Amino acid sequence: MENTDLNKVMFTDYKDIVTVPQLAEMLGIGITLAYRLVRQKTIKSIKVGREYKIPKQFVINYLVKENV
């Protein structure tokens, strides 16, 4: 399955752009680890003011890359 197909079936309860707390919920990890993944650019994000915005596609890319 290609990433574009995965975007249609994974995390359908979430909007296209998520916050760090939502990222933690999606991955079933703690908030501290979620912030670390974003700050270290392990999961790509866009910083808007003081907040990180993470396109859902970047979360899917992270999961696919980690499981190859």
PDB file of N, CA and C in Angstrom:
ATOM      1  N   MET A   1       0.844  -1.175   0.000  1.00  0.00           N
ATOM      2  CA  MET A   1       0.000   0.000   0.000  1.00  0.00           C
ATOM      3  C   MET A   1       0.891   1.241   0.000  1.00  0.00           C
ATOM      4  N   GLU A   2       0.595   2.196  -0.841  1.00  0.00           N
ATOM      5  CA  GLU A   2       1.381   3.422  -0.916  1.00  0.00           C
ATOM      6  C   GLU A   2       0.962   4.393   0.177  1.00  0.00           C
ATOM      7  N   ASN A   3       1.853   5.353   0.474  1.00  0.00           N
ATOM      8  CA  ASN A   3       1.572   6.327   1.529  1.00  0.00           C
ATOM      9  C   ASN A   3       0.284   7.101   1.288  1.00  0.00           C
ATOM     10  N   THR A   4      -0.018   7.421   0.035  1.00  0.00           N
ATOM     11  CA  THR A   4      -1.245   8.162  -0.236  1.00  0.00           C
ATOM     12  C   THR A   4      -2.471   7.318   0.095  1.00  0.00           C
ATOM     13  N   ASP A   5      -2.376   6.009  -0.131  1.00  0.00           N
ATOM     14  CA  ASP A   5      -3.470   5.116   0.232  1.00  0.00           C
ATOM     15  C   ASP A   5      -3.585   4.996   1.749  1.00  0.00           C
ATOM     16  N   LEU A   6      -2.436   4.942   2.431  1.00  0.00           N
ATOM     17  CA  LEU A   6      -2.435   4.837   3.890  1.00  0.00           C
ATOM     18  C   LEU A   6      -3.074   6.060   4.524  1.00  0.00           C
ATOM     19  N   ASN A   7      -2.897   7.215   3.907  1.00  0.00           N
ATOM     20  CA  ASN A   7      -3.474   8.444   4.432  1.00  0.00           C
ATOM     21  C   ASN A   7      -4.995   8.374   4.486  1.00  0.00           C
ATOM     22  N   LYS A   8      -5.579   7.590   3.610  1.00  0.00           N
ATOM     23  CA  LYS A   8      -7.036   7.463   3.560  1.00  0.00           C
ATOM     24  C   LYS A   8      -7.584   6.502   4.613  1.00  0.00           C
ATOM     25  N   VAL A   9      -6.739   5.586   5.114  1.00  0.00           N
ATOM     26  CA  VAL A   9      -7.232   4.570   6.046  1.00  0.00           C
ATOM     27  C   VAL A   9      -6.643   4.674   7.451  1.00  0.00           C
ATOM     28  N   MET A  10      -5.540   5.379   7.614  1.00  0.00           N
ATOM     29  CA  MET A  10      -4.919   5.499   8.932  1.00  0.00           C
ATOM     30  C   MET A  10      -5.321   6.811   9.598  1.00  0.00           C
ATOM     31  N   PHE A  11      -5.601   6.743  10.873  1.00  0.00           N
ATOM     32  CA  PHE A  11      -5.882   7.930  11.679  1.00  0.00           C
ATOM     33  C   PHE A  11      -7.024   8.759  11.114  1.00  0.00           C
ATOM     34  N   THR A  12      -8.078   8.108  10.687  1.00  0.00           N
ATOM     35  CA  THR A  12      -9.205   8.820  10.078  1.00  0.00           C
ATOM     36  C   THR A  12      -9.955   9.715  11.069  1.00  0.00           C
ATOM     37  N   ASP A  13      -9.770   9.487  12.369  1.00  0.00           N
ATOM     38  CA  ASP A  13     -10.431  10.312  13.378  1.00  0.00           C
ATOM     39  C   ASP A  13      -9.717  11.632  13.619  1.00  0.00           C
ATOM     40  N   TYR A  14      -8.571  11.812  12.994  1.00  0.00           N
ATOM     41  CA  TYR A  14      -7.771  13.019  13.200  1.00  0.00           C
ATOM     42  C   TYR A  14      -7.822  13.906  11.969  1.00  0.00           C
ATOM     43  N   LYS A  15      -7.688  15.220  12.196  1.00  0.00           N
ATOM     44  CA  LYS A  15      -7.616  16.170  11.086  1.00  0.00           C
ATOM     45  C   LYS A  15      -6.301  15.991  10.348  1.00  0.00           C
ATOM     46  N   ASP A  16      -6.134  16.675   9.235  1.00  0.00           N
ATOM     47  CA  ASP A  16      -4.933  16.536   8.414  1.00  0.00           C
ATOM     48  C   ASP A  16      -3.684  17.085   9.097  1.00  0.00           C
ATOM     49  N   ILE A  17      -3.850  18.006  10.027  1.00  0.00           N
ATOM     50  CA  ILE A  17      -2.733  18.557  10.779  1.00  0.00           C
ATOM     51  C   ILE A  17      -3.032  18.353  12.259  1.00  0.00           C
ATOM     52  N   VAL A  18      -2.053  17.779  12.972  1.00  0.00           N
ATOM     53  CA  VAL A  18      -2.255  17.458  14.381  1.00  0.00           C
ATOM     54  C   VAL A  18      -1.247  18.207  15.251  1.00  0.00           C
ATOM     55  N   THR A  19      -1.527  18.247  16.543  1.00  0.00           N
ATOM     56  CA  THR A  19      -0.643  18.868  17.527  1.00  0.00           C
ATOM     57  C   THR A  19       0.199  17.783  18.187  1.00  0.00           C
ATOM     58  N   VAL A  20       1.149  18.196  19.004  1.00  0.00           N
ATOM     59  CA  VAL A  20       1.999  17.218  19.686  1.00  0.00           C
ATOM     60  C   VAL A  20       1.183  16.332  20.637  1.00  0.00           C
ATOM     61  N   PRO A  21       0.261  16.861  21.430  1.00  0.00           N
ATOM     62  CA  PRO A  21      -0.551  15.964  22.265  1.00  0.00           C
ATOM     63  C   PRO A  21      -1.339  14.941  21.434  1.00  0.00           C
ATOM     64  N   GLN A  22      -1.846  15.360  20.279  1.00  0.00           N
ATOM     65  CA  GLN A  22      -2.551  14.413  19.409  1.00  0.00           C
ATOM     66  C   GLN A  22      -1.582  13.377  18.840  1.00  0.00           C
ATOM     67  N   LEU A  23      -0.364  13.803  18.500  1.00  0.00           N
ATOM     68  CA  LEU A  23       0.658  12.881  18.021  1.00  0.00           C
ATOM     69  C   LEU A  23       0.930  11.809  19.062  1.00  0.00           C
ATOM     70  N   ALA A  24       1.073  12.222  20.307  1.00  0.00           N
ATOM     71  CA  ALA A  24       1.312  11.269  21.394  1.00  0.00           C
ATOM     72  C   ALA A  24       0.167  10.260  21.488  1.00  0.00           C
ATOM     73  N   GLU A  25      -1.042  10.752  21.361  1.00  0.00           N
ATOM     74  CA  GLU A  25      -2.221   9.881  21.402  1.00  0.00           C
ATOM     75  C   GLU A  25      -2.235   8.909  20.218  1.00  0.00           C
ATOM     76  N   MET A  26      -1.916   9.412  19.044  1.00  0.00           N
ATOM     77  CA  MET A  26      -1.914   8.582  17.828  1.00  0.00           C
ATOM     78  C   MET A  26      -0.922   7.431  17.942  1.00  0.00           C
ATOM     79  N   LEU A  27       0.256   7.724  18.512  1.00  0.00           N
ATOM     80  CA  LEU A  27       1.312   6.721  18.587  1.00  0.00           C
ATOM     81  C   LEU A  27       1.290   5.923  19.883  1.00  0.00           C
ATOM     82  N   GLY A  28       0.445   6.345  20.813  1.00  0.00           N
ATOM     83  CA  GLY A  28       0.371   5.633  22.093  1.00  0.00           C
ATOM     84  C   GLY A  28       1.638   5.808  22.919  1.00  0.00           C
ATOM     85  N   ILE A  29       2.198   7.030  22.875  1.00  0.00           N
ATOM     86  CA  ILE A  29       3.422   7.329  23.608  1.00  0.00           C
ATOM     87  C   ILE A  29       3.170   8.510  24.525  1.00  0.00           C
ATOM     88  N   GLY A  30       4.133   8.777  25.396  1.00  0.00           N
ATOM     89  CA  GLY A  30       4.014   9.911  26.306  1.00  0.00           C
ATOM     90  C   GLY A  30       4.277  11.222  25.589  1.00  0.00           C
ATOM     91  N   ILE A  31       3.811  12.294  26.209  1.00  0.00           N
ATOM     92  CA  ILE A  31       3.960  13.620  25.629  1.00  0.00           C
ATOM     93  C   ILE A  31       5.427  14.027  25.522  1.00  0.00           C
ATOM     94  N   THR A  32       6.248  13.625  26.492  1.00  0.00           N
ATOM     95  CA  THR A  32       7.672  13.974  26.470  1.00  0.00           C
ATOM     96  C   THR A  32       8.363  13.348  25.270  1.00  0.00           C
ATOM     97  N   LEU A  33       8.088  12.089  25.022  1.00  0.00           N
ATOM     98  CA  LEU A  33       8.679  11.412  23.864  1.00  0.00           C
ATOM     99  C   LEU A  33       8.167  12.025  22.565  1.00  0.00           C
ATOM    100  N   ALA A  34       6.907  12.387  22.526  1.00  0.00           N
ATOM    101  CA  ALA A  34       6.341  13.009  21.324  1.00  0.00           C
ATOM    102  C   ALA A  34       7.061  14.329  21.023  1.00  0.00           C
ATOM    103  N   TYR A  35       7.274  15.150  22.048  1.00  0.00           N
ATOM    104  CA  TYR A  35       8.011  16.393  21.839  1.00  0.00           C
ATOM    105  C   TYR A  35       9.438  16.119  21.393  1.00  0.00           C
ATOM    106  N   ARG A  36      10.065  15.095  21.951  1.00  0.00           N
ATOM    107  CA  ARG A  36      11.440  14.756  21.563  1.00  0.00           C
ATOM    108  C   ARG A  36      11.502  14.356  20.092  1.00  0.00           C
ATOM    109  N   LEU A  37      10.560  13.543  19.631  1.00  0.00           N
ATOM    110  CA  LEU A  37      10.535  13.114  18.230  1.00  0.00           C
ATOM    111  C   LEU A  37      10.406  14.310  17.288  1.00  0.00           C
ATOM    112  N   VAL A  38       9.621  15.288  17.704  1.00  0.00           N
ATOM    113  CA  VAL A  38       9.411  16.476  16.868  1.00  0.00           C
ATOM    114  C   VAL A  38      10.619  17.405  16.934  1.00  0.00           C
ATOM    115  N   ARG A  39      11.124  17.650  18.121  1.00  0.00           N
ATOM    116  CA  ARG A  39      12.271  18.568  18.267  1.00  0.00           C
ATOM    117  C   ARG A  39      13.524  18.037  17.583  1.00  0.00           C
ATOM    118  N   GLN A  40      13.715  16.713  17.614  1.00  0.00           N
ATOM    119  CA  GLN A  40      14.886  16.108  16.972  1.00  0.00           C
ATOM    120  C   GLN A  40      14.657  15.871  15.478  1.00  0.00           C
ATOM    121  N   LYS A  41      13.501  16.295  15.001  1.00  0.00           N
ATOM    122  CA  LYS A  41      13.135  16.165  13.585  1.00  0.00           C
ATOM    123  C   LYS A  41      13.053  14.714  13.114  1.00  0.00           C
ATOM    124  N   THR A  42      12.816  13.808  14.061  1.00  0.00           N
ATOM    125  CA  THR A  42      12.557  12.412  13.705  1.00  0.00           C
ATOM    126  C   THR A  42      11.215  12.336  12.989  1.00  0.00           C
ATOM    127  N   ILE A  43      10.268  13.111  13.472  1.00  0.00           N
ATOM    128  CA  ILE A  43       8.996  13.311  12.787  1.00  0.00           C
ATOM    129  C   ILE A  43       8.984  14.763  12.342  1.00  0.00           C
ATOM    130  N   LYS A  44       8.847  14.976  11.052  1.00  0.00           N
ATOM    131  CA  LYS A  44       8.858  16.335  10.520  1.00  0.00           C
ATOM    132  C   LYS A  44       7.643  17.108  11.028  1.00  0.00           C
ATOM    133  N   SER A  45       7.851  18.407  11.217  1.00  0.00           N
ATOM    134  CA  SER A  45       6.763  19.264  11.679  1.00  0.00           C
ATOM    135  C   SER A  45       7.007  20.676  11.173  1.00  0.00           C
ATOM    136  N   ILE A  46       6.022  21.518  11.415  1.00  0.00           N
ATOM    137  CA  ILE A  46       6.104  22.932  11.064  1.00  0.00           C
ATOM    138  C   ILE A  46       5.842  23.701  12.352  1.00  0.00           C
ATOM    139  N   LYS A  47       6.743  24.600  12.698  1.00  0.00           N
ATOM    140  CA  LYS A  47       6.550  25.375  13.915  1.00  0.00           C
ATOM    141  C   LYS A  47       5.821  26.671  13.564  1.00  0.00           C
ATOM    142  N   VAL A  48       4.695  26.879  14.197  1.00  0.00           N
ATOM    143  CA  VAL A  48       3.877  28.074  13.998  1.00  0.00           C
ATOM    144  C   VAL A  48       3.820  28.778  15.347  1.00  0.00           C
ATOM    145  N   GLY A  49       4.548  29.883  15.436  1.00  0.00           N
ATOM    146  CA  GLY A  49       4.646  30.560  16.729  1.00  0.00           C
ATOM    147  C   GLY A  49       5.373  29.652  17.702  1.00  0.00           C
ATOM    148  N   ARG A  50       4.718  29.320  18.797  1.00  0.00           N
ATOM    149  CA  ARG A  50       5.319  28.438  19.801  1.00  0.00           C
ATOM    150  C   ARG A  50       4.854  26.991  19.667  1.00  0.00           C
ATOM    151  N   GLU A  51       3.967  26.734  18.746  1.00  0.00           N
ATOM    152  CA  GLU A  51       3.386  25.393  18.615  1.00  0.00           C
ATOM    153  C   GLU A  51       3.921  24.659  17.401  1.00  0.00           C
ATOM    154  N   TYR A  52       3.998  23.348  17.539  1.00  0.00           N
ATOM    155  CA  TYR A  52       4.353  22.484  16.423  1.00  0.00           C
ATOM    156  C   TYR A  52       3.073  21.986  15.767  1.00  0.00           C
ATOM    157  N   LYS A  53       3.033  22.047  14.467  1.00  0.00           N
ATOM    158  CA  LYS A  53       1.930  21.490  13.688  1.00  0.00           C
ATOM    159  C   LYS A  53       2.510  20.349  12.858  1.00  0.00           C
ATOM    160  N   ILE A  54       1.880  19.200  12.939  1.00  0.00           N
ATOM    161  CA  ILE A  54       2.404  18.021  12.263  1.00  0.00           C
ATOM    162  C   ILE A  54       1.377  17.525  11.249  1.00  0.00           C
ATOM    163  N   PRO A  55       1.674  17.630   9.967  1.00  0.00           N
ATOM    164  CA  PRO A  55       0.778  17.038   8.972  1.00  0.00           C
ATOM    165  C   PRO A  55       0.666  15.531   9.213  1.00  0.00           C
ATOM    166  N   LYS A  56      -0.537  15.039   9.173  1.00  0.00           N
ATOM    167  CA  LYS A  56      -0.787  13.622   9.426  1.00  0.00           C
ATOM    168  C   LYS A  56       0.064  12.736   8.518  1.00  0.00           C
ATOM    169  N   GLN A  57       0.327  13.190   7.314  1.00  0.00           N
ATOM    170  CA  GLN A  57       1.146  12.425   6.372  1.00  0.00           C
ATOM    171  C   GLN A  57       2.553  12.195   6.927  1.00  0.00           C
ATOM    172  N   PHE A  58       3.098  13.155   7.685  1.00  0.00           N
ATOM    173  CA  PHE A  58       4.427  12.995   8.268  1.00  0.00           C
ATOM    174  C   PHE A  58       4.435  11.904   9.331  1.00  0.00           C
ATOM    175  N   VAL A  59       3.339  11.763  10.055  1.00  0.00           N
ATOM    176  CA  VAL A  59       3.225  10.697  11.056  1.00  0.00           C
ATOM    177  C   VAL A  59       3.200   9.341  10.349  1.00  0.00           C
ATOM    178  N   ILE A  60       2.437   9.256   9.281  1.00  0.00           N
ATOM    179  CA  ILE A  60       2.365   8.016   8.501  1.00  0.00           C
ATOM    180  C   ILE A  60       3.720   7.701   7.891  1.00  0.00           C
ATOM    181  N   ASN A  61       4.400   8.709   7.367  1.00  0.00           N
ATOM    182  CA  ASN A  61       5.740   8.492   6.788  1.00  0.00           C
ATOM    183  C   ASN A  61       6.689   7.939   7.852  1.00  0.00           C
ATOM    184  N   TYR A  62       6.618   8.468   9.056  1.00  0.00           N
ATOM    185  CA  TYR A  62       7.465   8.002  10.163  1.00  0.00           C
ATOM    186  C   TYR A  62       7.189   6.527  10.454  1.00  0.00           C
ATOM    187  N   LEU A  63       5.930   6.172  10.529  1.00  0.00           N
ATOM    188  CA  LEU A  63       5.577   4.778  10.832  1.00  0.00           C
ATOM    189  C   LEU A  63       6.014   3.823   9.729  1.00  0.00           C
ATOM    190  N   VAL A  64       5.836   4.224   8.485  1.00  0.00           N
ATOM    191  CA  VAL A  64       6.213   3.371   7.357  1.00  0.00           C
ATOM    192  C   VAL A  64       7.727   3.216   7.322  1.00  0.00           C
ATOM    193  N   LYS A  65       8.453   4.315   7.519  1.00  0.00           N
ATOM    194  CA  LYS A  65       9.919   4.285   7.498  1.00  0.00           C
ATOM    195  C   LYS A  65      10.462   3.407   8.608  1.00  0.00           C
ATOM    196  N   GLU A  66       9.871   3.486   9.795  1.00  0.00           N
ATOM    197  CA  GLU A  66      10.336   2.711  10.945  1.00  0.00           C
ATOM    198  C   GLU A  66      10.093   1.209  10.778  1.00  0.00           C
ATOM    199  N   ASN A  67       9.155   0.851   9.933  1.00  0.00           N
ATOM    200  CA  ASN A  67       8.790  -0.560   9.784  1.00  0.00           C
ATOM    201  C   ASN A  67       9.261  -1.170   8.481  1.00  0.00           C
ATOM    202  N   VAL A  68      10.209  -0.536   7.822  1.00  0.00           N
ATOM    203  CA  VAL A  68      10.722  -1.082   6.552  1.00  0.00           C
ATOM    204  C   VAL A  68      11.885  -1.995   6.848  1.00  0.00           C
TER     205      VAL A  68
END
